[in-house]
Amino acid sequence: PPLTIMLKSSSRLFQRLPLQSQQYRHIASISKKPSILNSSTPPPKDAESPFQHLKSKSFDALPSLMNPVKEGFSETNTSSAASFQTQNDNFEKHIPVMHYGNQDSISLTTLPNGITVASVDNHTNAGVVTVQFKRAGMMYDSFKGISVLMNKLAFKASRNYNHDQLQELHDRIMYESMVDYENKDYSATFVRYDLDEVIPLLADNILHPLFEEQDIAESLSAIHQQIEEELNNPAISTVFNDQMLEACFGKNQALGQPTLTAPDTAITSDHLYAYNRSVLRPENCVIVGVGVDHQKFVQLCEKHFVFSENVPLIEPQFNPDVCEWRGGDARYEFTGTALDFHRQNIPTLTSVGVGFKSAGYMDMKVIPALVLETILGGGDSFSAGGPGKGLQTVIHKDMLPNYPLHGMVANHQVFEKNGIFMIQASSTQEYVSYVPYAIMELITSAIDRIKEEDVERGKNRFQSLILTQLEHPRSLAQSIAGDLLYYGKYRGVEFMRNHVSEVTLQDVQRTWKDLLAHPAGTAVVGLVNEVPPRQEFDRVLEATRQGVNQRVK
């Protein structure tokens, strides 16, 4: 295929450069490795199984890691690196936790109505306030799509703010809302001396929205337009994620419901008012401010966040407390994108994913799983996360160079009591047959590919991602709010850093063993007939499961 020529050309280009690191030597040696691209034909479809080459009576016969090329490193370079390490052993590693917030830097107050108010004064001019509600997401919908519609209607018009006033305020205050499966979040970013205007704005739009008919019609139109756009290339859109959730949990459970859905036509403004009062309850609410004075912040919140009392609880469509893992198969047929996408050079893709049952964020086993996600990593044909980021992850080193894929990534979705650890890959239509092959090769050989150095690199990168994210006031506010809602306290950066530092190679291997212990969910969006049936995936996964169980105790 043409990609073979491109890779070989890239190798010649890199060989002309003065290579100074193992990373680039590995890239320059791509053409020296055995590659499936050396074959002009895709994996045979008429064989007994598309994964025949991966099946073995002995786990030891499964593919193992091809060690990165190390030739060309002189003794001088090696000793210099060792000398540098020795010279720096005496330096104290210091993480400036005060910039990210810790338990001591958080001010907490519980209002009489049950709302928890927290703040961090970071002594900057920028301020952020987030109002977060648990048990208010899509899992708690009383009508199909009502939470999505509510999210579109946020900051449209309220009892004390009309459209013109909100538009004028938006020039100075950036306000927005979002909803996921479990939580509802409203936030505002502003200059800190505008706090007197921010709290009344948030409180009035959260507690007293008007739900005018024109706003409802416009919001419904926007939702339908979004659905149409997502369906133009569903393999890389919300459609694929919805298929994976359906495969893992089934259509008859709260976590199996699609996020990309048109709201029920029976929904009226009366239903919206009742639902708003039912799910937005003070005992499930946390208000967090970053860059605010705590005393003034508490006074404003107590004055304006006055909830209605004795509001009846509306029963959701599906029981959110019962979400059993099913491990099924879901497929969405899609053959081509719209002409506008082709004009923008956006290719038509097929995506395949295999999802495993993982821990929720109330389970400390989630931390090794998050480290494993970072170790495997991934990327696509356009980006690997920026210059240098992710280039040493397992997928980027060993999978993407050897397969004609548009992208491949490990993704971990975490909920309160459940999680999905997914390996997803996509390609253009002419290379679809390679996609399941690449996924299953990674799954069968992951236990051999991950070494001690990969774990250390993954831990460092994961901690770096946490710290980098918490530099942003809004991310810090949301992190504090999430901890307070589900753990009752802010655990702080040091808590996560210490637990990540304790993860070992054995922990990662046990995590992989636990992932394989349950039936996997498989999802396909695109040319579904080009992807092997579910039974073929099960055969390879069972062989891998038995082998991992023998090796990991």
Protein backbone atom coordinates (compact mmCIF):
# COMPACT_ATOMS: atom_id res chain seq x y z
CA PRO A 1 0.00 0.00 0.00
CA PRO A 2 1.09 3.63 -0.44
CA LEU A 3 1.67 3.94 3.32
CA THR A 4 4.60 1.52 3.03
CA ILE A 5 6.35 3.87 0.62
CA MET A 6 5.62 6.81 2.93
CA LEU A 7 7.09 5.04 5.95
CA LYS A 8 10.21 4.01 4.05
CA SER A 9 10.66 7.57 2.80
CA SER A 10 10.30 8.83 6.35
CA SER A 11 12.93 6.34 7.50
CA ARG A 12 15.43 7.59 4.93
CA LEU A 13 14.70 11.15 6.02
CA PHE A 14 15.32 10.39 9.67
CA GLN A 15 18.51 8.49 8.85
CA ARG A 16 20.00 11.70 7.41
CA LEU A 17 19.48 13.52 10.72
CA PRO A 18 21.94 13.51 13.66
CA LEU A 19 19.91 11.24 15.93
CA GLN A 20 20.52 11.91 19.60
CA SER A 21 17.88 9.83 21.38
CA GLN A 22 16.54 6.34 21.48
CA GLN A 23 13.13 7.73 20.60
CA TYR A 24 14.21 8.91 17.14
CA ARG A 25 16.37 5.84 16.54
CA HIS A 26 13.26 3.79 17.08
CA ILE A 27 11.36 5.89 14.50
CA ALA A 28 14.20 5.66 12.01
CA SER A 29 14.19 1.89 12.32
CA ILE A 30 10.53 1.37 11.53
CA SER A 31 11.28 -0.15 8.14
CA LYS A 32 13.60 -2.71 9.77
CA LYS A 33 10.80 -4.19 11.87
CA PRO A 34 8.49 -6.94 10.66
CA SER A 35 5.36 -5.12 9.58
CA ILE A 36 2.02 -6.25 8.33
CA LEU A 37 2.37 -3.48 5.77
CA ASN A 38 5.02 -5.59 4.04
CA SER A 39 2.14 -7.73 2.85
CA SER A 40 0.14 -6.42 -0.08
CA THR A 41 -3.01 -8.26 1.02
CA PRO A 42 -5.07 -7.85 4.19
CA PRO A 43 -5.57 -10.72 6.65
CA PRO A 44 -7.37 -13.55 4.85
CA LYS A 45 -11.13 -13.57 5.18
CA ASP A 46 -11.58 -17.14 4.02
CA ALA A 47 -9.46 -18.66 6.78
CA GLU A 48 -11.00 -20.57 9.67
CA SER A 49 -10.75 -17.41 11.77
CA PRO A 50 -9.59 -13.87 10.94
CA PHE A 51 -7.52 -14.12 14.13
CA GLN A 52 -6.06 -17.55 13.36
CA HIS A 53 -2.52 -16.25 13.66
CA LEU A 54 -3.27 -15.04 17.19
CA LYS A 55 -4.77 -18.30 18.51
CA SER A 56 -2.52 -20.70 20.32
CA LYS A 57 -2.84 -23.57 22.75
CA SER A 58 0.03 -22.03 24.70
CA PHE A 59 -0.07 -18.47 25.92
CA ASP A 60 3.68 -18.20 25.36
CA ALA A 61 3.05 -18.44 21.60
CA LEU A 62 1.08 -15.20 21.59
CA PRO A 63 2.85 -12.14 20.15
CA SER A 64 5.46 -10.55 22.40
CA LEU A 65 7.04 -7.11 22.51
CA MET A 66 9.63 -6.28 19.87
CA ASN A 67 12.31 -4.43 21.83
CA PRO A 68 13.08 -0.89 20.59
CA VAL A 69 16.26 -0.61 18.54
CA LYS A 70 19.18 0.57 20.67
CA GLU A 71 22.16 0.36 18.35
CA GLY A 72 24.36 3.42 17.99
CA PHE A 73 24.47 4.46 21.63
CA SER A 74 28.06 4.91 22.69
CA GLU A 75 29.51 4.15 26.09
CA THR A 76 30.27 7.87 26.39
CA ASN A 77 26.63 8.86 26.01
CA THR A 78 25.52 6.19 28.47
CA SER A 79 28.02 7.20 31.11
CA SER A 80 27.12 10.87 30.65
CA ALA A 81 23.49 10.09 31.33
CA ALA A 82 24.48 8.08 34.40
CA SER A 83 26.71 10.95 35.57
CA PHE A 84 23.88 13.44 35.11
CA GLN A 85 21.57 11.22 37.14
CA THR A 86 24.13 10.96 39.93
CA GLN A 87 24.65 14.69 40.06
CA ASN A 88 20.94 15.30 40.44
CA ASP A 89 20.30 12.67 43.10
CA ASN A 90 20.81 15.28 45.84
CA PHE A 91 18.15 17.65 44.52
CA GLU A 92 14.87 17.65 46.45
CA LYS A 93 11.78 17.04 44.31
CA HIS A 94 9.24 19.72 45.14
CA ILE A 95 5.65 19.88 43.91
CA PRO A 96 4.15 23.35 44.51
CA VAL A 97 0.86 22.00 45.85
CA MET A 98 -0.31 25.42 47.03
CA HIS A 99 -0.87 26.37 43.42
CA TYR A 100 -3.20 23.40 42.93
CA GLY A 101 -5.07 23.39 46.22
CA ASN A 102 -4.77 20.92 49.09
CA GLN A 103 -6.86 20.11 52.14
CA ASP A 104 -5.32 22.92 54.16
CA SER A 105 -5.88 25.59 51.52
CA ILE A 106 -9.61 24.85 51.03
CA SER A 107 -12.16 26.82 53.05
CA LEU A 108 -15.40 24.90 53.68
CA THR A 109 -18.84 25.94 54.93
CA THR A 110 -22.13 24.02 54.98
CA LEU A 111 -25.20 26.23 54.60
CA PRO A 112 -28.38 25.58 56.63
CA ASN A 113 -30.13 24.13 53.57
CA GLY A 114 -27.37 21.52 53.09
CA ILE A 115 -25.31 23.13 50.32
CA THR A 116 -21.54 22.75 50.69
CA VAL A 117 -19.63 25.94 49.83
CA ALA A 118 -15.87 25.70 49.23
CA SER A 119 -13.31 28.20 48.04
CA VAL A 120 -9.63 28.71 47.26
CA ASP A 121 -8.17 32.21 47.11
CA ASN A 122 -5.32 32.02 44.61
CA HIS A 123 -4.60 35.78 44.73
CA THR A 124 -5.17 36.38 41.03
CA ASN A 125 -7.61 38.62 39.21
CA ALA A 126 -9.35 35.68 37.52
CA GLY A 127 -12.23 34.03 39.34
CA VAL A 128 -14.21 30.84 38.67
CA VAL A 129 -17.40 29.59 40.30
CA THR A 130 -18.81 26.14 39.57
CA VAL A 131 -22.15 24.83 40.84
CA GLN A 132 -22.27 21.05 40.60
CA PHE A 133 -25.14 18.65 41.29
CA LYS A 134 -24.81 14.89 41.58
CA ARG A 135 -27.64 12.52 40.64
CA ALA A 136 -28.77 15.08 38.05
CA GLY A 137 -27.35 13.66 34.82
CA MET A 138 -28.77 11.63 31.96
CA MET A 139 -29.09 8.48 34.09
CA TYR A 140 -31.89 10.26 35.99
CA ASP A 141 -34.00 11.36 33.00
CA SER A 142 -37.73 11.14 33.56
CA PHE A 143 -38.27 11.55 29.80
CA LYS A 144 -35.91 10.55 27.03
CA GLY A 145 -33.45 13.38 26.40
CA ILE A 146 -34.88 15.80 28.97
CA SER A 147 -31.50 16.51 30.60
CA VAL A 148 -29.94 17.26 27.20
CA LEU A 149 -32.77 19.69 26.45
CA MET A 150 -32.35 21.27 29.91
CA ASN A 151 -28.67 21.77 29.20
CA LYS A 152 -29.43 23.58 25.93
CA LEU A 153 -31.92 25.80 27.76
CA ALA A 154 -29.41 26.93 30.37
CA PHE A 155 -28.80 30.69 30.50
CA LYS A 156 -31.58 31.46 28.01
CA ALA A 157 -33.91 33.50 30.22
CA SER A 158 -34.83 33.47 33.90
CA ARG A 159 -37.02 35.31 36.37
CA ASN A 160 -34.67 38.30 36.77
CA TYR A 161 -32.64 38.12 33.55
CA ASN A 162 -33.99 38.46 30.03
CA HIS A 163 -32.14 37.62 26.81
CA ASP A 164 -30.67 41.09 26.35
CA GLN A 165 -29.36 41.27 29.91
CA LEU A 166 -27.74 37.85 29.62
CA GLN A 167 -26.10 38.81 26.35
CA GLU A 168 -24.73 42.00 27.88
CA LEU A 169 -23.34 40.10 30.87
CA HIS A 170 -21.76 37.50 28.61
CA ASP A 171 -19.38 40.18 27.35
CA ARG A 172 -17.83 40.25 30.84
CA ILE A 173 -18.78 36.89 32.39
CA MET A 174 -18.21 33.60 30.58
CA TYR A 175 -20.99 31.29 31.73
CA GLU A 176 -21.79 27.78 30.52
CA SER A 177 -23.35 24.49 31.56
CA MET A 178 -22.74 20.84 30.82
CA VAL A 179 -24.32 17.52 31.67
CA ASP A 180 -22.98 13.97 31.69
CA TYR A 181 -24.45 10.65 32.77
CA GLU A 182 -24.30 11.43 36.49
CA ASN A 183 -23.78 15.15 37.13
CA LYS A 184 -24.97 18.60 36.08
CA ASP A 185 -22.54 21.49 36.15
CA TYR A 186 -22.96 25.27 35.82
CA SER A 187 -19.90 27.51 35.81
CA ALA A 188 -18.81 31.11 35.31
CA THR A 189 -15.40 32.66 34.68
CA PHE A 190 -15.00 36.34 35.53
CA VAL A 191 -12.80 39.09 36.93
CA ARG A 192 -12.89 38.63 40.69
CA TYR A 193 -14.49 42.01 41.50
CA ASP A 194 -17.58 40.88 39.50
CA LEU A 195 -18.45 38.21 42.10
CA ASP A 196 -21.46 40.29 43.25
CA GLU A 197 -22.98 39.87 39.79
CA VAL A 198 -21.94 36.26 39.19
CA ILE A 199 -23.71 34.58 42.12
CA PRO A 200 -27.15 36.16 41.46
CA LEU A 201 -26.77 35.30 37.77
CA LEU A 202 -26.00 31.65 38.45
CA ALA A 203 -28.63 31.25 41.17
CA ASP A 204 -31.45 32.78 39.14
CA ASN A 205 -30.72 30.82 35.98
CA ILE A 206 -30.33 27.54 37.88
CA LEU A 207 -33.34 27.85 40.20
CA HIS A 208 -35.74 30.06 38.22
CA PRO A 209 -35.45 29.44 34.46
CA LEU A 210 -38.46 30.49 32.37
CA PHE A 211 -38.44 27.76 29.67
CA GLU A 212 -40.12 29.99 27.12
CA GLU A 213 -41.64 28.29 24.09
CA GLN A 214 -39.37 30.05 21.62
CA ASP A 215 -36.28 28.97 23.59
CA ILE A 216 -37.52 25.38 23.70
CA ALA A 217 -38.07 25.37 19.92
CA GLU A 218 -34.61 26.84 19.26
CA SER A 219 -32.96 24.34 21.61
CA LEU A 220 -34.70 21.40 19.97
CA SER A 221 -33.58 22.66 16.57
CA ALA A 222 -29.98 22.94 17.82
CA ILE A 223 -30.08 19.37 19.18
CA HIS A 224 -31.39 17.98 15.87
CA GLN A 225 -28.72 19.88 13.96
CA GLN A 226 -26.02 18.46 16.25
CA ILE A 227 -27.34 14.93 15.72
CA GLU A 228 -27.28 15.44 11.95
CA GLU A 229 -23.68 16.67 12.06
CA GLU A 230 -22.54 13.78 14.26
CA LEU A 231 -24.17 11.24 11.95
CA ASN A 232 -22.20 12.58 8.99
CA ASN A 233 -19.13 10.75 10.29
CA PRO A 234 -20.26 8.63 13.25
CA ALA A 235 -17.07 6.55 13.59
CA ILE A 236 -15.31 9.45 15.32
CA SER A 237 -18.33 11.00 17.04
CA THR A 238 -20.59 10.47 20.02
CA VAL A 239 -22.32 7.73 18.04
CA PHE A 240 -19.44 5.32 18.62
CA ASN A 241 -19.35 5.97 22.36
CA ASP A 242 -23.11 5.37 22.55
CA GLN A 243 -22.69 2.06 20.74
CA MET A 244 -20.00 0.99 23.21
CA LEU A 245 -22.19 1.86 26.21
CA GLU A 246 -25.07 -0.09 24.68
CA ALA A 247 -22.80 -3.09 24.07
CA CYS A 248 -21.51 -3.06 27.64
CA PHE A 249 -24.71 -2.33 29.57
CA GLY A 250 -27.63 -2.96 27.19
CA LYS A 251 -30.51 -0.75 26.07
CA ASN A 252 -32.62 -1.42 29.15
CA GLN A 253 -30.26 0.14 31.71
CA ALA A 254 -29.48 3.74 32.60
CA LEU A 255 -25.84 3.60 31.44
CA GLY A 256 -26.88 2.02 28.15
CA GLN A 257 -28.94 5.01 27.04
CA PRO A 258 -27.51 7.12 24.20
CA THR A 259 -26.24 10.63 24.82
CA LEU A 260 -26.97 11.58 21.22
CA THR A 261 -30.75 11.41 21.17
CA ALA A 262 -33.69 13.61 20.23
CA PRO A 263 -35.74 14.58 23.31
CA ASP A 264 -39.18 13.06 23.73
CA THR A 265 -41.77 15.09 21.82
CA ALA A 266 -44.14 14.83 24.79
CA ILE A 267 -41.92 17.09 26.94
CA THR A 268 -43.57 20.40 27.86
CA SER A 269 -42.48 23.39 29.93
CA ASP A 270 -44.38 21.92 32.90
CA HIS A 271 -42.27 18.74 32.66
CA LEU A 272 -39.12 20.86 32.54
CA TYR A 273 -40.08 22.86 35.63
CA ALA A 274 -40.90 19.69 37.59
CA TYR A 275 -37.71 17.92 36.49
CA ASN A 276 -35.55 20.96 37.29
CA ARG A 277 -36.88 21.17 40.85
CA SER A 278 -36.64 17.41 41.34
CA VAL A 279 -33.00 16.78 40.37
CA LEU A 280 -31.41 20.08 41.46
CA ARG A 281 -31.56 19.54 45.21
CA PRO A 282 -29.51 21.39 47.87
CA GLU A 283 -28.30 18.20 49.58
CA ASN A 284 -26.75 17.11 46.26
CA CYS A 285 -25.16 20.50 45.53
CA VAL A 286 -21.63 21.82 45.94
CA ILE A 287 -20.62 25.39 45.06
CA VAL A 288 -16.88 26.00 44.60
CA GLY A 289 -15.11 29.30 44.00
CA VAL A 290 -11.50 29.82 42.96
CA GLY A 291 -10.04 33.30 43.34
CA VAL A 292 -12.77 34.53 45.71
CA ASP A 293 -12.97 35.75 49.29
CA HIS A 294 -14.57 32.93 51.28
CA GLN A 295 -16.62 35.01 53.71
CA LYS A 296 -18.16 37.14 51.00
CA PHE A 297 -18.66 34.05 48.81
CA VAL A 298 -20.61 32.24 51.53
CA GLN A 299 -22.81 35.28 52.22
CA LEU A 300 -23.74 35.62 48.55
CA CYS A 301 -24.46 31.89 48.15
CA GLU A 302 -26.65 31.80 51.26
CA LYS A 303 -28.58 34.86 50.08
CA HIS A 304 -29.29 33.76 46.52
CA PHE A 305 -29.31 29.94 46.47
CA VAL A 306 -32.68 29.44 48.13
CA PHE A 307 -34.26 26.16 47.03
CA SER A 308 -37.91 25.20 47.17
CA GLU A 309 -38.80 22.92 50.08
CA ASN A 310 -40.59 19.56 50.09
CA VAL A 311 -40.16 19.02 46.35
CA PRO A 312 -41.31 15.52 45.29
CA LEU A 313 -38.70 13.30 43.65
CA ILE A 314 -39.57 12.26 40.08
CA GLU A 315 -38.75 8.66 39.29
CA PRO A 316 -36.30 8.22 36.39
CA GLN A 317 -37.04 6.00 33.39
CA PHE A 318 -34.39 3.47 34.44
CA ASN A 319 -33.06 2.63 37.89
CA PRO A 320 -29.69 4.43 38.08
CA ASP A 321 -28.58 2.30 41.03
CA VAL A 322 -28.74 -0.94 39.05
CA CYS A 323 -26.32 -1.01 36.12
CA GLU A 324 -25.15 -4.57 35.54
CA TRP A 325 -22.37 -5.35 33.10
CA ARG A 326 -23.65 -7.28 30.06
CA GLY A 327 -20.71 -7.47 27.66
CA GLY A 328 -22.61 -7.66 24.35
CA ASP A 329 -22.17 -6.48 20.76
CA ALA A 330 -23.51 -3.31 19.09
CA ARG A 331 -23.01 -2.28 15.46
CA TYR A 332 -24.03 0.73 13.41
CA GLU A 333 -23.86 0.46 9.62
CA PHE A 334 -22.40 3.49 7.86
CA THR A 335 -21.01 3.54 4.33
CA GLY A 336 -20.11 7.12 3.38
CA THR A 337 -19.89 10.73 4.53
CA ALA A 338 -21.64 13.75 3.09
CA LEU A 339 -20.11 15.63 0.16
CA ASP A 340 -19.24 18.59 2.39
CA PHE A 341 -16.99 16.34 4.47
CA HIS A 342 -15.13 15.12 1.39
CA ARG A 343 -14.57 18.73 0.36
CA GLN A 344 -12.95 19.35 3.74
CA ASN A 345 -10.74 16.29 3.24
CA ILE A 346 -12.41 14.47 6.16
CA PRO A 347 -12.22 10.73 5.39
CA THR A 348 -14.97 8.19 5.84
CA LEU A 349 -13.89 5.91 8.69
CA THR A 350 -14.82 2.65 10.33
CA SER A 351 -14.19 2.31 14.07
CA VAL A 352 -13.94 -0.87 16.13
CA GLY A 353 -13.72 -1.00 19.91
CA VAL A 354 -13.38 -3.66 22.61
CA GLY A 355 -14.49 -2.56 26.09
CA PHE A 356 -13.72 -4.23 29.42
CA LYS A 357 -15.41 -3.89 32.81
CA SER A 358 -13.31 -1.64 35.02
CA ALA A 359 -13.48 0.03 38.43
CA GLY A 360 -15.52 3.14 39.20
CA TYR A 361 -14.04 6.19 40.88
CA MET A 362 -15.29 5.06 44.31
CA ASP A 363 -12.89 2.08 44.04
CA MET A 364 -9.16 2.65 44.57
CA LYS A 365 -8.46 0.04 41.88
CA VAL A 366 -9.27 2.79 39.42
CA ILE A 367 -5.81 4.34 39.92
CA PRO A 368 -3.78 1.45 38.39
CA ALA A 369 -6.35 1.36 35.57
CA LEU A 370 -5.77 5.05 34.87
CA VAL A 371 -2.01 4.47 34.87
CA LEU A 372 -2.51 1.56 32.45
CA GLU A 373 -4.51 3.86 30.17
CA THR A 374 -1.59 6.30 30.15
CA ILE A 375 0.93 3.52 29.47
CA LEU A 376 -0.99 2.25 26.43
CA GLY A 377 -1.74 5.79 25.22
CA GLY A 378 -2.40 6.21 21.52
CA GLY A 379 -3.09 8.88 18.96
CA ASP A 380 -4.17 9.39 15.38
CA SER A 381 -2.66 10.25 12.03
CA PHE A 382 -2.79 13.98 12.77
CA SER A 383 -1.69 14.30 16.39
CA ALA A 384 -0.10 12.38 19.22
CA GLY A 385 -1.00 15.00 21.80
CA GLY A 386 1.52 17.63 20.81
CA PRO A 387 5.30 17.66 20.33
CA GLY A 388 6.85 14.79 22.27
CA LYS A 389 3.74 13.82 24.24
CA GLY A 390 2.76 10.18 24.04
CA LEU A 391 5.49 9.15 21.59
CA GLN A 392 6.74 6.51 24.02
CA THR A 393 3.35 4.94 24.75
CA VAL A 394 2.87 1.31 23.77
CA ILE A 395 0.32 2.00 21.06
CA HIS A 396 2.38 4.78 19.51
CA LYS A 397 5.60 2.76 19.53
CA ASP A 398 4.37 -0.66 18.48
CA MET A 399 0.96 -0.41 16.83
CA LEU A 400 0.53 2.81 14.87
CA PRO A 401 3.80 2.45 12.86
CA ASN A 402 2.88 -1.07 11.76
CA TYR A 403 -0.75 -0.72 10.71
CA PRO A 404 -2.54 1.56 8.20
CA LEU A 405 -4.76 3.06 10.90
CA HIS A 406 -6.31 6.50 11.13
CA GLY A 407 -5.97 6.25 14.90
CA MET A 408 -5.78 3.90 17.87
CA VAL A 409 -6.20 4.76 21.53
CA ALA A 410 -6.80 3.33 24.99
CA ASN A 411 -9.69 5.13 26.68
CA HIS A 412 -11.00 4.74 30.23
CA GLN A 413 -14.49 6.03 31.01
CA VAL A 414 -15.14 6.20 34.74
CA PHE A 415 -18.49 6.43 36.51
CA GLU A 416 -19.36 6.24 40.20
CA LYS A 417 -19.67 2.46 40.41
CA ASN A 418 -18.63 1.30 36.95
CA GLY A 419 -15.96 1.90 34.37
CA ILE A 420 -15.21 0.95 30.77
CA PHE A 421 -11.62 0.37 29.70
CA MET A 422 -11.71 0.47 25.90
CA ILE A 423 -9.26 -0.16 23.09
CA GLN A 424 -10.52 1.66 20.00
CA ALA A 425 -9.06 1.86 16.50
CA SER A 426 -10.26 3.31 13.20
CA SER A 427 -9.20 3.34 9.58
CA THR A 428 -10.39 4.47 6.18
CA GLN A 429 -12.68 2.09 4.35
CA GLU A 430 -9.99 0.35 2.27
CA TYR A 431 -8.07 -0.77 5.38
CA VAL A 432 -10.97 -1.88 7.60
CA SER A 433 -9.76 -5.49 7.75
CA TYR A 434 -6.61 -4.40 9.58
CA VAL A 435 -8.48 -2.71 12.44
CA PRO A 436 -9.70 -5.73 14.47
CA TYR A 437 -6.35 -7.44 13.82
CA ALA A 438 -4.47 -4.51 15.41
CA ILE A 439 -6.78 -4.38 18.42
CA MET A 440 -6.55 -8.09 19.15
CA GLU A 441 -2.79 -8.14 18.72
CA LEU A 442 -2.47 -5.43 21.35
CA ILE A 443 -4.85 -7.20 23.75
CA THR A 444 -3.13 -10.58 23.43
CA SER A 445 0.38 -9.19 23.86
CA ALA A 446 -0.12 -6.30 26.32
CA ILE A 447 1.11 -8.39 29.25
CA ASP A 448 4.46 -8.84 27.47
CA ARG A 449 4.75 -5.35 26.04
CA ILE A 450 4.52 -3.45 29.33
CA LYS A 451 7.84 -3.28 31.20
CA GLU A 452 9.04 -1.56 34.37
CA GLU A 453 10.23 1.49 32.43
CA ASP A 454 6.81 1.80 30.79
CA VAL A 455 5.12 1.84 34.19
CA GLU A 456 7.48 4.53 35.51
CA ARG A 457 6.99 6.61 32.37
CA GLY A 458 3.21 6.19 32.58
CA LYS A 459 3.12 7.22 36.25
CA ASN A 460 5.20 10.33 35.59
CA ARG A 461 3.07 11.31 32.61
CA PHE A 462 -0.18 10.74 34.50
CA GLN A 463 0.99 12.90 37.41
CA SER A 464 2.10 15.56 34.94
CA LEU A 465 -1.33 15.53 33.31
CA ILE A 466 -3.02 15.98 36.69
CA LEU A 467 -0.84 18.91 37.69
CA THR A 468 -1.07 20.56 34.29
CA GLN A 469 -4.85 20.30 34.28
CA LEU A 470 -5.18 21.75 37.78
CA GLU A 471 -3.26 24.85 36.76
CA HIS A 472 -6.54 25.99 35.20
CA PRO A 473 -8.92 27.48 37.81
CA ARG A 474 -12.00 25.88 36.26
CA SER A 475 -10.45 22.40 36.32
CA LEU A 476 -9.41 22.94 39.94
CA ALA A 477 -12.93 24.05 40.88
CA GLN A 478 -14.50 21.01 39.20
CA SER A 479 -11.98 18.69 40.85
CA ILE A 480 -12.79 20.09 44.30
CA ALA A 481 -16.54 19.89 43.63
CA GLY A 482 -16.34 16.27 42.47
CA ASP A 483 -14.36 15.22 45.53
CA LEU A 484 -16.75 16.96 47.91
CA LEU A 485 -19.81 15.44 46.25
CA TYR A 486 -18.60 11.85 46.29
CA TYR A 487 -15.95 11.63 49.03
CA GLY A 488 -17.17 14.32 51.42
CA LYS A 489 -13.76 16.06 51.40
CA TYR A 490 -11.18 17.38 48.97
CA ARG A 491 -8.41 14.79 48.84
CA GLY A 492 -5.87 17.13 47.28
CA VAL A 493 -3.05 16.71 44.81
CA GLU A 494 -0.76 14.92 47.24
CA PHE A 495 -3.33 12.17 47.78
CA MET A 496 -3.48 11.32 44.09
CA ARG A 497 0.25 11.81 43.59
CA ASN A 498 1.13 9.44 46.44
CA HIS A 499 -1.25 6.71 45.25
CA VAL A 500 -0.02 6.97 41.66
CA SER A 501 3.59 6.75 42.85
CA GLU A 502 2.82 3.47 44.63
CA VAL A 503 1.58 1.70 41.47
CA THR A 504 3.88 -1.16 40.43
CA LEU A 505 4.25 -3.37 37.38
CA GLN A 506 2.48 -6.13 39.33
CA ASP A 507 -0.47 -3.77 40.00
CA VAL A 508 -0.74 -3.03 36.28
CA GLN A 509 -0.61 -6.74 35.41
CA ARG A 510 -3.29 -7.55 38.00
CA THR A 511 -5.41 -4.75 36.55
CA TRP A 512 -5.10 -6.28 33.07
CA LYS A 513 -6.08 -9.65 34.53
CA ASP A 514 -9.15 -8.12 36.19
CA LEU A 515 -10.18 -6.42 32.93
CA LEU A 516 -10.14 -9.76 31.11
CA ALA A 517 -12.17 -11.49 33.83
CA HIS A 518 -15.55 -10.37 32.44
CA PRO A 519 -17.08 -10.71 28.96
CA ALA A 520 -15.98 -7.81 26.78
CA GLY A 521 -18.29 -5.43 24.96
CA THR A 522 -17.61 -4.93 21.25
CA ALA A 523 -18.78 -2.01 19.13
CA VAL A 524 -18.46 -1.32 15.40
CA VAL A 525 -19.46 1.80 13.50
CA GLY A 526 -18.96 1.85 9.73
CA LEU A 527 -18.57 -1.16 7.42
CA VAL A 528 -19.86 -3.68 9.94
CA ASN A 529 -19.77 -6.60 7.48
CA GLU A 530 -16.00 -6.18 7.07
CA VAL A 531 -15.44 -6.84 10.78
CA PRO A 532 -15.44 -10.43 12.14
CA PRO A 533 -18.45 -11.54 14.20
CA ARG A 534 -18.47 -11.36 17.97
CA GLN A 535 -17.67 -15.07 18.32
CA GLU A 536 -14.23 -14.59 16.80
CA PHE A 537 -13.38 -11.90 19.33
CA ASP A 538 -14.54 -14.20 22.13
CA ARG A 539 -12.21 -17.02 21.02
CA VAL A 540 -9.11 -14.87 21.14
CA LEU A 541 -10.12 -13.16 24.39
CA GLU A 542 -10.69 -16.53 26.09
CA ALA A 543 -7.22 -17.77 25.05
CA THR A 544 -5.70 -14.54 26.34
CA ARG A 545 -7.68 -14.74 29.58
CA GLN A 546 -6.42 -18.26 30.31
CA GLY A 547 -2.82 -17.30 29.62
CA VAL A 548 -2.93 -14.19 31.79
CA ASN A 549 -4.52 -16.13 34.65
CA GLN A 550 -1.64 -18.61 34.56
CA ARG A 551 1.02 -15.91 34.65
CA VAL A 552 -0.47 -13.27 36.96
CA LYS A 553 -1.38 -14.24 40.49
